[in-house]
Amino acid sequence: MFAHRFKNLKALEKTWIGTLNKEGSNPIKWSFIEYILAETAKKLHNEREQRRINGIRKDPNLNEPGKALAAADGLYEFLNKKVNGHTDINNGKFVYQIKPFELGELTEANIGEKVYKGTSMIPAVLRDSGNLALYMPSHFIVLYHKYNELHYGQNQDYKANIMYVKEYPAVKIIPVPNADNHHRIFWTFEGNIKTYEDKPGEMTAFNLEQEDWSLKVWSNWRESIWAIAVGFKYTKKEDMDYTRQMIFCNEYDRPASYFVDADKDKNPSAKLHTSIVTVANTAEFAITDIEDAPVGTVISLKCGSVDKGVKIEKSGKFDLISATWQPGKGDVIKLMKRADGKFIEIGRENASSDALQFAPDETDPSLLDGEVFVTGENTKATAITNFTDAEAGVVYTIYGSGSEFASTIAAGGNFVLTEAMTLSEGKFIKLAKAADGKFYEVARG
């Protein structure tokens, strides 16, 4: 459903066409409204293309604007429900239909091996039929081609950029667009998964209602993505094998290292993903719950902004955590929901936890072995005057530690800064070395 009220068409008109207005002073100009609706239709189409891949259905709240991605389940949520279980609308039972392959993490270094392994595990009667296809996120296609070039590029019979599984030429490879944050690959027959809509064109069949100088516009339509054949409906996972399913996939979708944005001024939701990054709010927001969090699953909550950021008090559903969480930017807390609705703490990570540490009292530390560093526990006032072994064009992040004798960097000499920097606990500065040998400030916090 799309619904919107254009409250001030005159202001919108001035923004868009200004002096091109040749139709008088009436703000209700139908030629202009037709133009607005054409642009709206483009936006709705783009949202639908994203939703067909990334959508996750969530019932809207009354009188609150909803997200386009929450209007319907997309391809990957459809697969997730078939793998992780869903309630069968015919009998109310919780069923599983796809048993995934245990392939492990897909990377640039192993994707060719994983594709071969997964394809070889599919029953030969399906694999060799000539109708089976491997669907991969488009960014994995590039990795697969690079893998083949690296491993087989010197062979005389090497073919670049093949769109089939190298070891099984009968299995086509089809890219999935708009799927850069997904790692799930799946095999099924071409044409098995389709997009559906109730009646073509309903999305842009706009209804219009003029009220004084405002205009209400809305349209209603139904859409979904579905497979003709998925697999037998098992009520017990342990009974599953690969002989009674028509869709095959690897065991995970989004990697834990990928974070989705939380909503502003609201408790975060794990509906889309279990790794969530907070955003700037209108005021500091106290998180009291993680909505849609499944029981027994680790939730990673990352602080994305300290400007009117978030905190978690040791109370309510979080009274079992070790202490109040007042994060700095980049800090992560890992939580798990219990059956009683309370959250237990699995661990905490600071943004600088993986950083290399300078030696105490060092005034010209080396940047040879990394890009993220943290100052040492100094025993005296320490002013950093230079960094050695730095590469031009690389952005280095330096975190502070401690408050007494914190390292300082002056705005001068080898450093071009907005102002002097004191690297105390919780502070950081990003620097890039230029061709002139000086370090220029990129960001600080």
Protein backbone atom coordinates (compact mmCIF):
# COMPACT_ATOMS: atom_id res chain seq x y z
CA MET A 1 0.00 0.00 0.00
CA PHE A 2 1.11 3.54 -0.77
CA ALA A 3 -0.55 6.56 0.86
CA HIS A 4 0.57 10.17 0.98
CA ARG A 5 -0.94 13.60 1.47
CA PHE A 6 0.62 16.49 -0.46
CA LYS A 7 -0.05 19.31 1.98
CA ASN A 8 1.67 22.21 0.24
CA LEU A 9 1.70 21.81 -3.51
CA LYS A 10 2.56 25.48 -3.98
CA ALA A 11 5.85 25.09 -2.07
CA LEU A 12 6.60 21.87 -3.96
CA GLU A 13 5.86 23.61 -7.25
CA LYS A 14 8.33 26.39 -6.47
CA THR A 15 10.97 23.85 -5.53
CA TRP A 16 10.61 21.88 -8.74
CA ILE A 17 9.54 24.18 -11.57
CA GLY A 18 9.84 27.74 -10.25
CA THR A 19 9.63 30.25 -13.11
CA LEU A 20 8.50 27.55 -15.59
CA ASN A 21 4.99 27.96 -14.19
CA LYS A 22 2.71 29.08 -17.03
CA GLU A 23 -0.61 27.85 -15.62
CA GLY A 24 -1.59 30.52 -13.11
CA SER A 25 -1.75 30.70 -9.33
CA ASN A 26 -3.94 27.70 -8.51
CA PRO A 27 -1.76 25.22 -6.56
CA ILE A 28 -3.81 22.29 -7.91
CA LYS A 29 -2.21 22.03 -11.35
CA TRP A 30 -3.07 18.65 -12.85
CA SER A 31 -0.19 18.62 -15.30
CA PHE A 32 2.18 19.12 -12.36
CA ILE A 33 0.35 16.45 -10.34
CA GLU A 34 0.74 14.00 -13.23
CA TYR A 35 4.48 14.71 -13.20
CA ILE A 36 4.63 14.11 -9.42
CA LEU A 37 2.78 10.80 -9.77
CA ALA A 38 5.12 9.68 -12.56
CA GLU A 39 8.10 10.33 -10.27
CA THR A 40 6.27 8.55 -7.43
CA ALA A 41 5.75 5.52 -9.67
CA LYS A 42 9.51 5.38 -10.36
CA LYS A 43 10.20 5.41 -6.62
CA LEU A 44 7.63 2.68 -5.96
CA HIS A 45 9.14 0.53 -8.71
CA ASN A 46 12.66 0.87 -7.28
CA GLU A 47 11.37 0.00 -3.80
CA ARG A 48 9.61 -3.08 -5.18
CA GLU A 49 12.79 -4.28 -6.90
CA GLN A 50 14.60 -4.05 -3.55
CA ARG A 51 11.69 -5.64 -1.67
CA ARG A 52 11.53 -8.65 -3.98
CA ILE A 53 15.05 -9.56 -2.85
CA ASN A 54 15.44 -8.07 0.65
CA GLY A 55 11.89 -7.66 1.96
CA ILE A 56 10.83 -8.97 5.36
CA ARG A 57 7.13 -8.69 6.16
CA LYS A 58 6.28 -6.90 9.40
CA ASP A 59 2.78 -5.84 10.38
CA PRO A 60 2.54 -2.03 10.38
CA ASN A 61 1.71 0.05 13.41
CA LEU A 62 -1.52 2.02 13.14
CA ASN A 63 -1.02 5.58 11.85
CA GLU A 64 2.76 5.15 11.64
CA PRO A 65 4.65 5.24 8.32
CA GLY A 66 6.02 1.82 7.46
CA LYS A 67 9.15 0.80 5.58
CA ALA A 68 8.92 -0.38 2.00
CA LEU A 69 11.04 -3.45 2.83
CA ALA A 70 8.57 -4.44 5.57
CA ALA A 71 5.58 -4.67 3.21
CA ALA A 72 6.25 -8.22 1.98
CA ASP A 73 8.74 -11.07 2.25
CA GLY A 74 11.42 -11.11 -0.41
CA LEU A 75 13.48 -13.91 -1.89
CA TYR A 76 15.92 -14.36 0.97
CA GLU A 77 13.30 -14.21 3.72
CA PHE A 78 11.28 -16.80 1.79
CA LEU A 79 14.32 -19.09 1.80
CA ASN A 80 15.10 -18.32 5.46
CA LYS A 81 11.63 -19.44 6.53
CA LYS A 82 11.90 -22.68 4.58
CA VAL A 83 15.29 -23.38 6.19
CA ASN A 84 14.65 -22.19 9.76
CA GLY A 85 11.02 -23.23 9.93
CA HIS A 86 7.63 -21.58 9.51
CA THR A 87 4.03 -22.17 10.50
CA ASP A 88 2.11 -24.07 7.83
CA ILE A 89 -1.07 -22.12 7.05
CA ASN A 90 -2.90 -25.36 6.18
CA ASN A 91 -2.55 -27.18 9.50
CA GLY A 92 -0.86 -24.74 11.92
CA LYS A 93 2.19 -26.99 12.39
CA PHE A 94 5.75 -25.65 12.50
CA VAL A 95 7.54 -27.20 9.55
CA TYR A 96 10.93 -27.26 7.79
CA GLN A 97 11.33 -27.73 4.04
CA ILE A 98 14.97 -27.09 3.12
CA LYS A 99 17.97 -28.81 4.70
CA PRO A 100 20.99 -26.58 4.00
CA PHE A 101 24.48 -27.73 3.07
CA GLU A 102 27.19 -27.14 5.70
CA LEU A 103 29.64 -25.30 3.44
CA GLY A 104 31.12 -22.77 5.86
CA GLU A 105 31.87 -19.14 5.13
CA LEU A 106 32.14 -18.13 1.48
CA THR A 107 35.20 -16.01 0.68
CA GLU A 108 37.22 -14.94 -2.34
CA ALA A 109 39.78 -17.60 -1.47
CA ASN A 110 37.41 -20.59 -1.35
CA ILE A 111 34.31 -19.76 -3.40
CA GLY A 112 35.23 -22.06 -6.28
CA GLU A 113 35.76 -24.98 -3.92
CA LYS A 114 32.47 -24.28 -2.09
CA VAL A 115 30.46 -24.01 -5.32
CA TYR A 116 31.88 -27.34 -6.51
CA LYS A 117 31.24 -29.02 -3.16
CA GLY A 118 27.65 -27.79 -2.90
CA THR A 119 26.79 -28.71 -6.49
CA SER A 120 28.26 -32.19 -6.10
CA MET A 121 26.02 -32.83 -3.05
CA ILE A 122 22.83 -32.42 -5.09
CA PRO A 123 21.32 -35.73 -6.30
CA ALA A 124 22.65 -36.50 -9.79
CA VAL A 125 19.17 -36.96 -11.24
CA LEU A 126 18.55 -33.26 -10.58
CA ARG A 127 22.10 -31.96 -11.08
CA ASP A 128 22.50 -33.53 -14.53
CA SER A 129 19.01 -32.72 -15.80
CA GLY A 130 20.12 -29.59 -17.64
CA ASN A 131 17.44 -27.55 -15.90
CA LEU A 132 19.21 -26.89 -12.59
CA ALA A 133 20.63 -23.41 -11.95
CA LEU A 134 22.82 -21.93 -9.23
CA TYR A 135 21.62 -18.51 -8.05
CA MET A 136 24.36 -16.34 -6.55
CA PRO A 137 24.42 -12.72 -5.31
CA SER A 138 25.92 -10.66 -8.12
CA HIS A 139 28.98 -9.72 -6.04
CA PHE A 140 29.83 -13.42 -5.69
CA ILE A 141 29.86 -13.80 -9.48
CA VAL A 142 32.88 -11.49 -9.62
CA LEU A 143 34.63 -13.47 -6.87
CA TYR A 144 33.91 -16.74 -8.67
CA HIS A 145 35.38 -15.46 -11.93
CA LYS A 146 38.49 -14.17 -10.13
CA TYR A 147 38.88 -17.52 -8.35
CA ASN A 148 38.78 -19.41 -11.66
CA GLU A 149 41.20 -16.98 -13.28
CA LEU A 150 43.66 -17.34 -10.40
CA HIS A 151 43.53 -21.14 -10.32
CA TYR A 152 42.99 -22.06 -13.98
CA GLY A 153 43.98 -18.95 -15.94
CA GLN A 154 47.21 -20.54 -17.22
CA ASN A 155 45.43 -23.59 -18.65
CA GLN A 156 45.22 -23.69 -22.44
CA ASP A 157 41.50 -24.51 -22.37
CA TYR A 158 40.67 -21.78 -19.81
CA LYS A 159 37.50 -19.80 -20.51
CA ALA A 160 36.98 -16.50 -18.72
CA ASN A 161 33.75 -15.33 -17.10
CA ILE A 162 31.84 -18.58 -17.54
CA MET A 163 28.23 -18.51 -16.32
CA TYR A 164 28.02 -22.16 -15.33
CA VAL A 165 29.62 -24.29 -12.62
CA LYS A 166 33.06 -25.15 -13.97
CA GLU A 167 32.95 -28.82 -12.98
CA TYR A 168 29.27 -29.22 -13.96
CA PRO A 169 28.59 -27.33 -17.22
CA ALA A 170 24.92 -28.38 -17.15
CA VAL A 171 24.35 -26.18 -14.08
CA LYS A 172 23.89 -22.55 -15.11
CA ILE A 173 24.87 -19.65 -12.84
CA ILE A 174 22.30 -16.85 -12.54
CA PRO A 175 23.16 -13.61 -10.68
CA VAL A 176 20.76 -12.26 -8.05
CA PRO A 177 20.66 -8.42 -8.16
CA ASN A 178 20.42 -6.10 -5.13
CA ALA A 179 21.88 -8.79 -2.85
CA ASP A 180 25.23 -7.32 -1.81
CA ASN A 181 24.57 -7.93 1.89
CA HIS A 182 23.68 -11.61 1.43
CA HIS A 183 25.92 -14.67 1.40
CA ARG A 184 23.28 -17.28 0.61
CA ILE A 185 23.64 -19.19 -2.65
CA PHE A 186 20.97 -21.65 -3.74
CA TRP A 187 20.28 -24.24 -6.42
CA THR A 188 16.87 -24.94 -7.96
CA PHE A 189 15.24 -25.41 -11.34
CA GLU A 190 15.05 -22.37 -13.57
CA GLY A 191 11.66 -20.73 -13.23
CA ASN A 192 10.80 -22.50 -9.97
CA ILE A 193 10.80 -19.25 -7.97
CA LYS A 194 8.53 -16.53 -9.32
CA THR A 195 7.23 -13.11 -8.36
CA TYR A 196 3.46 -12.73 -8.20
CA GLU A 197 1.00 -9.87 -8.07
CA ASP A 198 -2.78 -9.93 -7.77
CA LYS A 199 -3.53 -7.72 -10.78
CA PRO A 200 -0.91 -6.08 -13.01
CA GLY A 201 -0.70 -2.31 -12.69
CA GLU A 202 -2.46 -1.98 -9.34
CA MET A 203 0.58 -0.35 -7.74
CA THR A 204 0.32 2.69 -10.01
CA ALA A 205 -3.49 2.79 -10.16
CA PHE A 206 -3.51 5.89 -7.97
CA ASN A 207 -6.62 7.14 -6.20
CA LEU A 208 -6.83 10.92 -5.78
CA GLU A 209 -8.84 13.01 -3.37
CA GLN A 210 -8.63 16.79 -3.18
CA GLU A 211 -9.32 18.45 0.16
CA ASP A 212 -9.04 22.24 0.10
CA TRP A 213 -5.49 22.91 -1.11
CA SER A 214 -4.10 19.47 -0.27
CA LEU A 215 -4.19 16.25 -2.24
CA LYS A 216 -4.41 12.70 -0.93
CA VAL A 217 -2.94 9.94 -3.09
CA TRP A 218 -3.05 6.22 -2.42
CA SER A 219 -2.91 2.85 -4.12
CA ASN A 220 -3.35 -0.74 -2.92
CA TRP A 221 -1.84 -3.89 -4.37
CA ARG A 222 -0.78 -7.38 -3.37
CA GLU A 223 2.50 -9.06 -4.27
CA SER A 224 4.64 -11.98 -3.16
CA ILE A 225 7.50 -14.23 -4.13
CA TRP A 226 6.96 -17.98 -4.09
CA ALA A 227 8.29 -21.28 -5.38
CA ILE A 228 6.28 -23.82 -7.33
CA ALA A 229 8.13 -26.67 -5.59
CA VAL A 230 10.11 -26.40 -2.33
CA GLY A 231 10.19 -29.70 -0.47
CA PHE A 232 8.42 -32.08 1.89
CA LYS A 233 7.18 -30.47 5.10
CA TYR A 234 9.04 -32.01 8.02
CA THR A 235 8.04 -31.37 11.63
CA LYS A 236 11.41 -32.64 12.90
CA LYS A 237 14.72 -31.35 11.55
CA GLU A 238 16.50 -34.61 12.31
CA ASP A 239 14.26 -36.46 9.84
CA MET A 240 15.38 -34.29 6.92
CA ASP A 241 17.65 -35.41 4.10
CA TYR A 242 18.26 -34.07 0.60
CA THR A 243 16.02 -36.52 -1.28
CA ARG A 244 12.70 -34.71 -0.82
CA GLN A 245 13.51 -31.09 -1.61
CA MET A 246 13.74 -29.07 -4.82
CA ILE A 247 15.72 -26.11 -3.45
CA PHE A 248 19.23 -26.46 -2.02
CA CYS A 249 21.30 -23.77 -0.28
CA ASN A 250 24.18 -23.08 2.10
CA GLU A 251 23.61 -22.75 5.83
CA TYR A 252 23.77 -18.97 6.39
CA ASP A 253 22.46 -15.81 4.80
CA ARG A 254 23.85 -12.51 6.06
CA PRO A 255 27.28 -12.69 7.70
CA ALA A 256 27.55 -11.56 11.32
CA SER A 257 30.03 -8.89 10.22
CA TYR A 258 27.27 -7.09 8.27
CA PHE A 259 25.18 -4.69 10.37
CA VAL A 260 21.72 -3.31 9.52
CA ASP A 261 20.68 0.16 10.71
CA ALA A 262 18.34 0.47 13.67
CA ASP A 263 15.41 2.89 13.59
CA LYS A 264 15.90 6.32 15.14
CA ASP A 265 14.36 6.84 18.61
CA LYS A 266 13.14 3.22 18.81
CA ASN A 267 14.26 -0.02 20.39
CA PRO A 268 16.33 -1.98 17.83
CA SER A 269 14.68 -4.87 16.02
CA ALA A 270 16.33 -8.18 15.08
CA LYS A 271 13.66 -8.85 12.45
CA LEU A 272 15.99 -8.12 9.54
CA HIS A 273 19.28 -9.37 11.00
CA THR A 274 20.93 -10.22 14.30
CA SER A 275 23.74 -7.66 13.83
CA ILE A 276 22.38 -4.14 14.34
CA VAL A 277 24.07 -0.72 14.34
CA THR A 278 22.47 2.24 16.11
CA VAL A 279 22.04 5.69 14.56
CA ALA A 280 21.88 9.27 15.83
CA ASN A 281 18.64 9.99 17.70
CA THR A 282 16.81 13.21 18.54
CA ALA A 283 18.08 12.73 22.12
CA GLU A 284 20.07 10.05 23.92
CA PHE A 285 17.92 6.93 23.78
CA ALA A 286 17.77 4.28 26.51
CA ILE A 287 17.22 0.84 24.98
CA THR A 288 14.73 -1.21 26.99
CA ASP A 289 14.26 -4.19 24.64
CA ILE A 290 15.48 -5.76 21.41
CA GLU A 291 12.33 -6.47 19.46
CA ASP A 292 11.87 -9.64 17.40
CA ALA A 293 14.97 -11.21 19.02
CA PRO A 294 14.80 -15.02 18.77
CA VAL A 295 15.44 -16.99 21.95
CA GLY A 296 18.94 -18.49 22.15
CA THR A 297 20.44 -16.45 19.30
CA VAL A 298 23.35 -14.05 19.80
CA ILE A 299 22.45 -10.43 18.98
CA SER A 300 25.31 -8.05 18.18
CA LEU A 301 24.46 -4.41 18.92
CA LYS A 302 26.96 -1.85 17.63
CA CYS A 303 27.10 1.85 18.46
CA GLY A 304 27.05 3.79 15.20
CA SER A 305 26.88 7.30 16.67
CA VAL A 306 27.68 8.98 19.97
CA ASP A 307 25.79 12.10 18.87
CA LYS A 308 22.57 11.56 20.82
CA GLY A 309 23.41 7.88 20.86
CA VAL A 310 22.16 4.98 22.96
CA LYS A 311 22.72 3.32 26.30
CA ILE A 312 21.48 0.18 28.05
CA GLU A 313 20.77 0.42 31.76
CA LYS A 314 21.30 -2.60 34.01
CA SER A 315 17.57 -2.91 34.70
CA GLY A 316 14.35 -4.40 33.34
CA LYS A 317 15.02 -6.93 30.61
CA PHE A 318 18.74 -6.13 30.88
CA ASP A 319 19.16 -6.50 34.65
CA LEU A 320 21.36 -9.59 34.11
CA ILE A 321 24.10 -7.77 32.15
CA SER A 322 27.37 -7.03 33.94
CA ALA A 323 26.97 -3.24 34.01
CA THR A 324 25.30 -0.34 32.23
CA TRP A 325 26.44 -0.13 28.60
CA GLN A 326 27.40 3.44 27.67
CA PRO A 327 29.18 2.83 24.36
CA GLY A 328 31.64 4.81 22.31
CA LYS A 329 31.38 4.79 18.55
CA GLY A 330 32.15 1.34 17.18
CA ASP A 331 31.69 -0.45 20.51
CA VAL A 332 29.72 -3.72 20.39
CA ILE A 333 27.72 -5.62 23.00
CA LYS A 334 26.66 -9.22 22.35
CA LEU A 335 23.44 -10.34 24.00
CA MET A 336 21.25 -13.45 24.03
CA LYS A 337 17.54 -13.58 24.83
CA ARG A 338 16.31 -16.16 27.33
CA ALA A 339 12.93 -17.89 27.29
CA ASP A 340 11.71 -15.54 30.05
CA GLY A 341 12.35 -12.51 27.83
CA LYS A 342 15.45 -11.27 29.65
CA PHE A 343 18.83 -10.78 27.98
CA ILE A 344 22.14 -12.18 29.16
CA GLU A 345 25.46 -10.65 28.19
CA ILE A 346 27.75 -12.74 26.00
CA GLY A 347 30.53 -10.18 25.69
CA ARG A 348 31.61 -6.65 24.89
CA GLU A 349 34.05 -5.32 22.34
CA ASN A 350 35.65 -1.91 22.16
CA ALA A 351 36.35 -0.33 18.79
CA SER A 352 40.02 -0.44 19.65
CA SER A 353 40.05 -4.04 20.91
CA ASP A 354 41.71 -5.34 17.73
CA ALA A 355 44.14 -2.43 17.47
CA LEU A 356 47.92 -2.75 17.75
CA GLN A 357 49.31 -0.98 20.81
CA PHE A 358 52.17 1.49 20.82
CA ALA A 359 54.89 1.10 23.41
CA PRO A 360 54.49 3.38 26.46
CA ASP A 361 56.03 6.88 26.19
CA GLU A 362 56.70 6.47 22.43
CA THR A 363 56.95 9.77 20.55
CA ASP A 364 57.48 8.47 16.98
CA PRO A 365 55.73 5.06 16.85
CA SER A 366 55.81 2.79 13.78
CA LEU A 367 52.70 2.16 11.65
CA LEU A 368 54.31 -0.74 9.80
CA ASP A 369 52.08 -3.65 10.79
CA GLY A 370 48.54 -2.30 10.59
CA GLU A 371 46.09 0.54 10.12
CA VAL A 372 44.43 0.67 13.57
CA PHE A 373 46.47 1.45 16.69
CA VAL A 374 45.98 2.40 20.31
CA THR A 375 48.36 4.47 22.43
CA GLY A 376 50.29 2.84 25.24
CA GLU A 377 49.95 3.35 28.99
CA ASN A 378 52.40 6.22 29.33
CA THR A 379 54.38 6.89 32.49
CA LYS A 380 54.96 10.57 31.67
CA ALA A 381 53.61 13.34 29.46
CA THR A 382 54.10 12.11 25.88
CA ALA A 383 53.81 14.20 22.72
CA ILE A 384 53.75 12.29 19.43
CA THR A 385 55.83 14.22 16.91
CA ASN A 386 55.83 11.79 13.98
CA PHE A 387 54.83 8.34 12.76
CA THR A 388 57.36 6.13 11.00
CA ASP A 389 56.84 3.44 8.34
CA ALA A 390 53.56 4.99 7.14
CA GLU A 391 52.34 4.63 3.55
CA ALA A 392 51.01 7.59 1.60
CA GLY A 393 47.27 7.47 0.96
CA VAL A 394 46.47 5.01 3.76
CA VAL A 395 44.07 6.20 6.48
CA TYR A 396 45.36 5.27 9.94
CA THR A 397 43.14 5.25 13.04
CA ILE A 398 44.75 6.04 16.39
CA TYR A 399 42.76 5.37 19.58
CA GLY A 400 43.60 6.85 22.95
CA SER A 401 43.97 5.03 26.26
CA GLY A 402 44.12 6.21 29.83
CA SER A 403 43.56 9.74 31.11
CA GLU A 404 46.75 10.47 33.05
CA PHE A 405 49.71 11.13 30.71
CA ALA A 406 47.53 10.61 27.60
CA SER A 407 49.46 11.01 24.34
CA THR A 408 49.05 14.33 22.56
CA ILE A 409 49.50 15.48 18.95
CA ALA A 410 50.13 19.15 18.24
CA ALA A 411 48.65 20.96 15.24
CA GLY A 412 51.97 21.67 13.57
CA GLY A 413 55.22 20.12 12.45
CA ASN A 414 54.44 16.82 10.77
CA PHE A 415 50.70 17.13 11.45
CA VAL A 416 48.02 19.23 9.75
CA LEU A 417 45.11 19.16 12.21
CA THR A 418 42.01 21.25 12.90
CA GLU A 419 43.36 21.61 16.44
CA ALA A 420 45.64 19.81 18.87
CA MET A 421 44.53 16.32 19.89
CA THR A 422 44.67 14.64 23.30
CA LEU A 423 44.26 10.89 22.91
CA SER A 424 42.57 10.05 26.18
CA GLU A 425 40.34 7.01 26.76
CA GLY A 426 37.47 6.90 24.22
CA LYS A 427 39.06 9.40 21.80
CA PHE A 428 40.38 8.66 18.32
CA ILE A 429 41.82 10.44 15.32
CA LYS A 430 42.08 9.33 11.68
CA LEU A 431 45.13 10.50 9.75
CA ALA A 432 46.35 10.08 6.19
CA LYS A 433 49.92 10.59 5.05
CA ALA A 434 50.28 12.81 1.98
CA ALA A 435 53.02 12.93 -0.64
CA ASP A 436 54.64 15.84 1.20
CA GLY A 437 55.32 13.54 4.16
CA LYS A 438 52.84 15.23 6.50
CA PHE A 439 49.85 13.62 8.20
CA TYR A 440 46.48 15.23 7.49
CA GLU A 441 43.45 14.87 9.74
CA VAL A 442 40.56 12.92 8.20
CA ALA A 443 38.24 12.64 11.21
CA ARG A 444 38.24 12.63 15.00
CA GLY A 445 35.90 11.63 17.76
